[in-house]
C-alpha atoms as a PDB file:
ATOM      1  CA  MET A   1       0.023  -0.025  -0.033  1.00  0.00           C
ATOM      2  CA  PRO A   2       1.899   3.084  -1.135  1.00  0.00           C
ATOM      3  CA  ALA A   3       1.758   6.147   1.091  1.00  0.00           C
ATOM      4  CA  LEU A   4       0.149   9.269  -0.286  1.00  0.00           C
ATOM      5  CA  GLN A   5       2.585  11.946  -1.493  1.00  0.00           C
ATOM      6  CA  VAL A   6       3.312  14.872   0.804  1.00  0.00           C
ATOM      7  CA  ALA A   7       1.697  18.114  -0.317  1.00  0.00           C
ATOM      8  CA  GLU A   8       3.550  21.409  -0.400  1.00  0.00           C
ATOM      9  CA  ASP A   9       1.318  23.252   1.995  1.00  0.00           C
ATOM     10  CA  PRO A  10      -0.046  20.795   4.621  1.00  0.00           C
ATOM     11  CA  ALA A  11      -2.302  21.625   7.564  1.00  0.00           C
ATOM     12  CA  PRO A  12      -1.117  19.187  10.169  1.00  0.00           C
ATOM     13  CA  VAL A  13      -3.782  17.763  12.581  1.00  0.00           C
ATOM     14  CA  ILE A  14      -1.374  16.409  15.241  1.00  0.00           C
ATOM     15  CA  ASP A  15       1.636  17.567  17.157  1.00  0.00           C
ATOM     16  CA  ALA A  16       4.058  16.116  19.516  1.00  0.00           C
ATOM     17  CA  THR A  17       4.958  18.223  22.539  1.00  0.00           C
ATOM     18  CA  ARG A  18       8.184  16.909  23.950  1.00  0.00           C
ATOM     19  CA  PRO A  19      10.939  14.388  23.184  1.00  0.00           C
ATOM     20  CA  LEU A  20      10.262  10.728  23.805  1.00  0.00           C
ATOM     21  CA  GLN A  21      12.879   8.123  24.597  1.00  0.00           C
ATOM     22  CA  VAL A  22      12.096   4.955  22.643  1.00  0.00           C
ATOM     23  CA  ARG A  23      13.665   1.837  24.043  1.00  0.00           C
ATOM     24  CA  ALA A  24      14.476  -1.440  22.375  1.00  0.00           C
ATOM     25  CA  ARG A  25      13.880  -4.844  23.947  1.00  0.00           C
ATOM     26  CA  ASP A  26      17.136  -4.678  25.819  1.00  0.00           C
ATOM     27  CA  GLN A  27      15.996  -1.275  27.218  1.00  0.00           C
ATOM     28  CA  SER A  28      18.691   0.631  25.363  1.00  0.00           C
ATOM     29  CA  VAL A  29      17.557   4.076  24.063  1.00  0.00           C
ATOM     30  CA  VAL A  30      17.427   3.913  20.252  1.00  0.00           C
ATOM     31  CA  ALA A  31      15.559   7.174  19.578  1.00  0.00           C
ATOM     32  CA  SER A  32      15.437  10.192  21.821  1.00  0.00           C
ATOM     33  CA  ARG A  33      14.142  12.946  19.513  1.00  0.00           C
ATOM     34  CA  LEU A  34      11.128  11.162  18.081  1.00  0.00           C
ATOM     35  CA  ARG A  35       7.787  11.050  19.645  1.00  0.00           C
ATOM     36  CA  ALA A  36       7.021   7.722  18.224  1.00  0.00           C
ATOM     37  CA  GLY A  37       3.402   7.362  17.065  1.00  0.00           C
ATOM     38  CA  CYS A  38       2.732  10.915  18.148  1.00  0.00           C
ATOM     39  CA  THR A  39       1.750  10.025  21.737  1.00  0.00           C
ATOM     40  CA  GLY A  40       3.064  11.259  24.990  1.00  0.00           C
ATOM     41  CA  ALA A  41       5.505   9.429  27.181  1.00  0.00           C
ATOM     42  CA  SER A  42       4.071   6.277  28.658  1.00  0.00           C
ATOM     43  CA  THR A  43       4.871   5.358  32.273  1.00  0.00           C
ATOM     44  CA  CYS A  44       2.939   2.080  32.683  1.00  0.00           C
ATOM     45  CA  VAL A  45       2.484   2.924  36.362  1.00  0.00           C
ATOM     46  CA  GLY A  46      -0.518   1.340  37.914  1.00  0.00           C
ATOM     47  CA  TYR A  47      -2.285  -0.099  34.849  1.00  0.00           C
ATOM     48  CA  THR A  48      -1.766  -1.132  31.268  1.00  0.00           C
ATOM     49  CA  LEU A  49      -3.878  -1.011  28.104  1.00  0.00           C
ATOM     50  CA  SER A  50      -6.433  -3.662  27.521  1.00  0.00           C
ATOM     51  CA  ALA A  51      -5.074  -6.739  25.957  1.00  0.00           C
ATOM     52  CA  SER A  52      -7.969  -6.652  23.449  1.00  0.00           C
ATOM     53  CA  LEU A  53      -6.630  -3.383  21.965  1.00  0.00           C
ATOM     54  CA  ARG A  54      -3.430  -5.094  20.828  1.00  0.00           C
ATOM     55  CA  THR A  55      -5.132  -6.875  17.981  1.00  0.00           C
ATOM     56  CA  LEU A  56      -7.881  -4.300  17.404  1.00  0.00           C
ATOM     57  CA  HIS A  57      -9.070  -3.959  13.821  1.00  0.00           C
ATOM     58  CA  PHE A  58     -11.965  -1.785  12.863  1.00  0.00           C
ATOM     59  CA  ASP A  59     -13.414   0.039   9.915  1.00  0.00           C
ATOM     60  CA  THR A  60     -15.025   3.502   9.617  1.00  0.00           C
ATOM     61  CA  PRO A  61     -17.002   4.798   6.630  1.00  0.00           C
ATOM     62  CA  ARG A  62     -13.873   5.679   4.792  1.00  0.00           C
ATOM     63  CA  LEU A  63     -10.955   4.027   6.728  1.00  0.00           C
ATOM     64  CA  CYS A  64      -9.568   0.638   7.594  1.00  0.00           C
ATOM     65  CA  VAL A  65      -7.638   0.702  10.908  1.00  0.00           C
ATOM     66  CA  SER A  66      -5.168  -2.114  11.701  1.00  0.00           C
ATOM     67  CA  PRO A  67      -2.308  -2.728  14.190  1.00  0.00           C
ATOM     68  CA  LEU A  68       1.085  -1.511  13.010  1.00  0.00           C
ATOM     69  CA  ARG A  69       3.115  -4.277  11.365  1.00  0.00           C
ATOM     70  CA  ASP A  70       6.658  -4.646  10.029  1.00  0.00           C
ATOM     71  CA  ILE A  71       5.450  -4.054   6.500  1.00  0.00           C
ATOM     72  CA  ASP A  72       4.412  -0.515   7.416  1.00  0.00           C
ATOM     73  CA  CYS A  73       7.907   1.022   7.554  1.00  0.00           C
ATOM     74  CA  HIS A  74       7.285   2.992   4.336  1.00  0.00           C
ATOM     75  CA  LEU A  75       4.328   4.763   5.853  1.00  0.00           C
ATOM     76  CA  PHE A  76       6.334   5.482   9.018  1.00  0.00           C
ATOM     77  CA  ALA A  77       9.148   6.904   6.974  1.00  0.00           C
ATOM     78  CA  SER A  78       6.845   9.097   4.880  1.00  0.00           C
ATOM     79  CA  LEU A  79       5.563  10.700   7.994  1.00  0.00           C
ATOM     80  CA  PHE A  80       8.629  11.105  10.154  1.00  0.00           C
ATOM     81  CA  THR A  81      11.184  12.152   7.534  1.00  0.00           C
ATOM     82  CA  ALA A  82       8.908  14.857   5.879  1.00  0.00           C
ATOM     83  CA  PRO A  83       9.783  18.402   7.100  1.00  0.00           C
ATOM     84  CA  VAL A  84       6.336  19.759   6.174  1.00  0.00           C
ATOM     85  CA  ILE A  85       4.623  17.111   8.355  1.00  0.00           C
ATOM     86  CA  MET A  86       7.157  17.222  11.202  1.00  0.00           C
ATOM     87  CA  ARG A  87       7.105  21.026  11.577  1.00  0.00           C
ATOM     88  CA  HIS A  88       4.733  20.706  14.525  1.00  0.00           C
ATOM     89  CA  VAL A  89       6.391  17.558  15.828  1.00  0.00           C
ATOM     90  CA  GLY A  90      10.204  18.045  15.977  1.00  0.00           C
ATOM     91  CA  ARG A  91      13.236  17.516  13.872  1.00  0.00           C
ATOM     92  CA  PRO A  92      12.616  15.086  11.001  1.00  0.00           C
ATOM     93  CA  LEU A  93      14.335  11.751  11.169  1.00  0.00           C
ATOM     94  CA  ALA A  94      17.378  11.264   8.969  1.00  0.00           C
ATOM     95  CA  PRO A  95      16.743   8.515   6.342  1.00  0.00           C
ATOM     96  CA  GLY A  96      19.477   6.469   7.986  1.00  0.00           C
ATOM     97  CA  ALA A  97      17.669   6.576  11.403  1.00  0.00           C
ATOM     98  CA  VAL A  98      14.262   5.390  10.164  1.00  0.00           C
ATOM     99  CA  SER A  99      14.885   1.659  10.384  1.00  0.00           C
ATOM    100  CA  THR A 100      16.224   1.845  13.990  1.00  0.00           C
ATOM    101  CA  ALA A 101      13.328   4.039  15.135  1.00  0.00           C
ATOM    102  CA  PHE A 102      10.754   1.850  13.382  1.00  0.00           C
ATOM    103  CA  ASP A 103      12.155  -1.289  15.055  1.00  0.00           C
ATOM    104  CA  ALA A 104      11.760   0.446  18.458  1.00  0.00           C
ATOM    105  CA  VAL A 105       8.182   1.214  17.717  1.00  0.00           C
ATOM    106  CA  LEU A 106       7.563  -2.415  16.727  1.00  0.00           C
ATOM    107  CA  ALA A 107       9.161  -3.396  20.057  1.00  0.00           C
ATOM    108  CA  GLU A 108       6.600  -1.294  21.869  1.00  0.00           C
ATOM    109  CA  MET A 109       3.851  -3.136  20.032  1.00  0.00           C
ATOM    110  CA  ASP A 110       5.287  -6.434  21.204  1.00  0.00           C
ATOM    111  CA  ARG A 111       5.627  -5.445  24.808  1.00  0.00           C
ATOM    112  CA  VAL A 112       3.563  -7.390  27.342  1.00  0.00           C
ATOM    113  CA  PRO A 113       1.760  -5.859  29.064  1.00  0.00           C
ATOM    114  CA  ALA A 114       0.888  -3.153  26.580  1.00  0.00           C
ATOM    115  CA  CYS A 115       1.693   0.474  27.430  1.00  0.00           C
ATOM    116  CA  ARG A 116       1.786   2.085  23.966  1.00  0.00           C
ATOM    117  CA  LEU A 117      -0.019   0.846  20.816  1.00  0.00           C
ATOM    118  CA  TYR A 118      -0.151   2.008  17.251  1.00  0.00           C
ATOM    119  CA  TRP A 119      -2.538   1.532  14.331  1.00  0.00           C
ATOM    120  CA  THR A 120      -2.274   2.326  10.623  1.00  0.00           C
ATOM    121  CA  LEU A 121      -4.960   4.224   8.849  1.00  0.00           C
ATOM    122  CA  ALA A 122      -5.756   3.355   5.222  1.00  0.00           C
ATOM    123  CA  THR A 123      -8.506   4.195   2.813  1.00  0.00           C
ATOM    124  CA  ARG A 124     -10.893   1.547   1.575  1.00  0.00           C
ATOM    125  CA  ASP A 125      -8.900   1.309  -1.685  1.00  0.00           C
ATOM    126  CA  GLY A 126      -5.679   0.592   0.205  1.00  0.00           C
ATOM    127  CA  ALA A 127      -3.878   4.024   0.279  1.00  0.00           C
ATOM    128  CA  ASP A 128      -1.976   4.621   3.534  1.00  0.00           C
ATOM    129  CA  VAL A 129      -2.998   7.900   5.104  1.00  0.00           C
ATOM    130  CA  GLY A 130      -1.537   7.957   8.610  1.00  0.00           C
ATOM    131  CA  LEU A 131      -0.969   6.520  12.072  1.00  0.00           C
ATOM    132  CA  ILE A 132      -2.991   6.746  15.267  1.00  0.00           C
ATOM    133  CA  SER A 133      -1.752   5.720  18.763  1.00  0.00           C
ATOM    134  CA  LEU A 134      -2.656   5.256  22.398  1.00  0.00           C
ATOM    135  CA  SER A 135      -0.463   5.172  25.411  1.00  0.00           C
ATOM    136  CA  THR A 136      -0.918   4.934  29.137  1.00  0.00           C
ATOM    137  CA  GLY A 137      -0.859   8.305  30.828  1.00  0.00           C
ATOM    138  CA  PRO A 138       0.774   9.443  34.134  1.00  0.00           C
ATOM    139  CA  GLY A 139      -2.221   8.378  36.267  1.00  0.00           C
ATOM    140  CA  ILE A 140      -4.503   5.366  36.857  1.00  0.00           C
ATOM    141  CA  GLY A 141      -7.145   5.030  34.107  1.00  0.00           C
ATOM    142  CA  LEU A 142      -5.569   7.846  32.033  1.00  0.00           C
ATOM    143  CA  ALA A 143      -4.487   7.399  28.428  1.00  0.00           C
ATOM    144  CA  GLU A 144      -3.157   9.717  25.699  1.00  0.00           C
ATOM    145  CA  MET A 145      -4.195   9.513  22.020  1.00  0.00           C
ATOM    146  CA  GLY A 146      -2.341  10.885  19.106  1.00  0.00           C
ATOM    147  CA  ILE A 147      -2.780  10.929  15.342  1.00  0.00           C
ATOM    148  CA  MET A 148      -0.655  11.842  12.388  1.00  0.00           C
ATOM    149  CA  LEU A 149      -1.743  12.063   8.675  1.00  0.00           C
ATOM    150  CA  VAL A 150       0.087  12.414   5.464  1.00  0.00           C
ATOM    151  CA  SER A 151      -0.486  15.715   3.863  1.00  0.00           C
ATOM    152  CA  ASN A 152      -2.956  14.778   1.213  1.00  0.00           C
ATOM    153  CA  ALA A 153      -5.210  13.222   3.794  1.00  0.00           C
ATOM    154  CA  GLN A 154      -5.478  16.346   5.922  1.00  0.00           C
ATOM    155  CA  GLY A 155      -8.405  18.678   5.855  1.00  0.00           C
ATOM    156  CA  ARG A 156     -10.924  15.932   4.887  1.00  0.00           C
ATOM    157  CA  GLY A 157     -12.313  14.979   8.280  1.00  0.00           C
ATOM    158  CA  LEU A 158     -10.306  11.718   8.367  1.00  0.00           C
ATOM    159  CA  ALA A 159      -8.650  12.513  11.706  1.00  0.00           C
ATOM    160  CA  ARG A 160     -12.013  13.142  13.351  1.00  0.00           C
ATOM    161  CA  GLU A 161     -13.428   9.983  11.849  1.00  0.00           C
ATOM    162  CA  ALA A 162     -10.525   7.825  13.076  1.00  0.00           C
ATOM    163  CA  CYS A 163     -10.390   9.412  16.591  1.00  0.00           C
ATOM    164  CA  THR A 164     -14.097   9.035  17.096  1.00  0.00           C
ATOM    165  CA  ALA A 165     -13.916   5.361  16.335  1.00  0.00           C
ATOM    166  CA  LEU A 166     -10.830   4.715  18.466  1.00  0.00           C
ATOM    167  CA  LEU A 167     -12.376   6.586  21.440  1.00  0.00           C
ATOM    168  CA  ALA A 168     -15.428   4.462  21.199  1.00  0.00           C
ATOM    169  CA  GLU A 169     -13.317   1.305  21.348  1.00  0.00           C
ATOM    170  CA  VAL A 170     -11.109   2.613  24.231  1.00  0.00           C
ATOM    171  CA  PHE A 171     -13.965   3.699  26.445  1.00  0.00           C
ATOM    172  CA  ARG A 172     -15.581   0.279  26.020  1.00  0.00           C
ATOM    173  CA  THR A 173     -12.807  -1.136  28.266  1.00  0.00           C
ATOM    174  CA  SER A 174     -12.980  -0.655  32.016  1.00  0.00           C
ATOM    175  CA  LEU A 175      -9.322   0.405  32.170  1.00  0.00           C
ATOM    176  CA  VAL A 176      -9.536   3.884  30.598  1.00  0.00           C
ATOM    177  CA  CYS A 177     -11.718   6.554  32.099  1.00  0.00           C
ATOM    178  CA  SER A 178     -10.025   9.642  30.766  1.00  0.00           C
ATOM    179  CA  VAL A 179      -8.133  10.410  27.431  1.00  0.00           C
ATOM    180  CA  LEU A 180      -5.725  13.260  26.872  1.00  0.00           C
ATOM    181  CA  LEU A 181      -4.773  15.127  23.661  1.00  0.00           C
ATOM    182  CA  ARG A 182      -1.757  17.424  23.776  1.00  0.00           C
ATOM    183  CA  HIS A 183      -0.352  19.822  21.247  1.00  0.00           C
ATOM    184  CA  ARG A 184       1.874  22.823  20.939  1.00  0.00           C
ATOM    185  CA  ARG A 185       0.296  26.232  21.107  1.00  0.00           C
ATOM    186  CA  GLY A 186      -0.634  27.512  17.716  1.00  0.00           C
ATOM    187  CA  ASN A 187      -1.686  24.310  16.106  1.00  0.00           C
ATOM    188  CA  ALA A 188      -5.213  25.468  15.117  1.00  0.00           C
ATOM    189  CA  ALA A 189      -6.016  22.219  13.301  1.00  0.00           C
ATOM    190  CA  MET A 190      -5.320  20.158  16.349  1.00  0.00           C
ATOM    191  CA  ALA A 191      -7.271  22.425  18.637  1.00  0.00           C
ATOM    192  CA  ALA A 192     -10.260  22.336  16.285  1.00  0.00           C
ATOM    193  CA  LEU A 193     -10.097  18.572  16.167  1.00  0.00           C
ATOM    194  CA  ALA A 194     -10.108  18.296  19.978  1.00  0.00           C
ATOM    195  CA  GLY A 195     -13.073  20.614  20.282  1.00  0.00           C
ATOM    196  CA  ARG A 196     -15.091  18.677  17.647  1.00  0.00           C
ATOM    197  CA  LEU A 197     -14.383  15.429  19.510  1.00  0.00           C
ATOM    198  CA  GLY A 198     -15.795  16.832  22.699  1.00  0.00           C
ATOM    199  CA  PHE A 199     -12.614  17.414  24.680  1.00  0.00           C
ATOM    200  CA  GLN A 200     -12.810  19.962  27.460  1.00  0.00           C
ATOM    201  CA  SER A 201     -11.184  23.355  26.912  1.00  0.00           C
ATOM    202  CA  PRO A 202      -7.464  22.897  27.373  1.00  0.00           C
ATOM    203  CA  ASP A 203      -5.162  23.789  30.149  1.00  0.00           C
ATOM    204  CA  VAL A 204      -2.303  25.838  28.794  1.00  0.00           C
ATOM    205  CA  GLU A 205       1.049  25.808  30.404  1.00  0.00           C
ATOM    206  CA  GLY A 206       3.968  27.380  28.582  1.00  0.00           C
ATOM    207  CA  GLY A 207       3.689  26.353  25.000  1.00  0.00           C
ATOM    208  CA  LEU A 208       1.650  23.226  25.633  1.00  0.00           C
ATOM    209  CA  CYS A 209      -2.179  22.822  25.427  1.00  0.00           C
ATOM    210  CA  GLN A 210      -3.646  19.799  27.106  1.00  0.00           C
ATOM    211  CA  TRP A 211      -7.209  18.687  26.350  1.00  0.00           C
ATOM    212  CA  ARG A 212      -9.099  16.097  28.361  1.00  0.00           C
ATOM    213  CA  LEU A 213     -12.105  13.891  27.693  1.00  0.00           C
ATOM    214  CA  GLU A 214     -13.741  11.987  30.574  1.00  0.00           C
ATOM    215  CA  LEU A 215     -15.740   8.821  30.132  1.00  0.00           C
ATOM    216  CA  ALA A 216     -18.792  10.511  31.571  1.00  0.00           C
ATOM    217  CA  GLY A 217     -18.494  13.353  29.115  1.00  0.00           C
ATOM    218  CA  TRP A 218     -18.087  10.992  26.181  1.00  0.00           C
ATOM    219  CA  GLU A 219     -21.211   9.009  27.169  1.00  0.00           C
ATOM    220  CA  GLY A 220     -23.176  12.293  27.505  1.00  0.00           C
ATOM    221  CA  LEU A 221     -22.248  13.569  24.142  1.00  0.00           C
ATOM    222  CA  ALA A 222     -24.446  13.174  21.051  1.00  0.00           C
ATOM    223  CA  ARG A 223     -21.875  11.563  18.831  1.00  0.00           C
ATOM    224  CA  PRO A 224     -20.837  13.855  16.014  1.00  0.00           C
ATOM    225  CA  GLN A 225     -20.894  12.721  12.403  1.00  0.00           C
ATOM    226  CA  PRO A 226     -17.367  11.478  11.518  1.00  0.00           C
ATOM    227  CA  CYS A 227     -17.268  13.311   8.214  1.00  0.00           C
ATOM    228  CA  GLU A 228     -17.217  17.131   8.039  1.00  0.00           C
END
């Protein structure tokens, strides 16, 4: 499944907010600049993600969502080496660093119990459009979600569609009662996405905006249409 080409003037829908140390199976740090999968640092303190999420596959009206696999390195590289996509995330990966970083992300997928998981997003005709991720947060029952799209997939409501579906799956478990979205100040697209998904107005500290969605708030929402 070839990745979509990067457009010249993207409107990113996801940020990273701070460096993440990605560790291999032997616990050595193999990537310290990359926020792999666009999620926040995962501590695995007190709880882990539901085992059922590890093999979660689901479809939305326009997307097929599947766990990240070793064949998805091309999609990973198309996102994390592109300056126009990484401008809200951090320094793009050098081509020579992609393989090591991707191996570290796959190691996170294999970790038992699960603390950080990744899924690929593809259109119904098989075109790769991005990644979505979930990691355990700093407190019991807290998780952090992130999403990253190739440039040609942005501005089409796909991020909202994917996030709405993943939130529904996550809140079905008894382990997660609150989900965070975090982004750097000035990322209007990410702020708009969080608002449309029903996240509470963010706390702003320094250059970081943190949005929060509680289980009770999710259940009380009239679910928005996934497509804009």
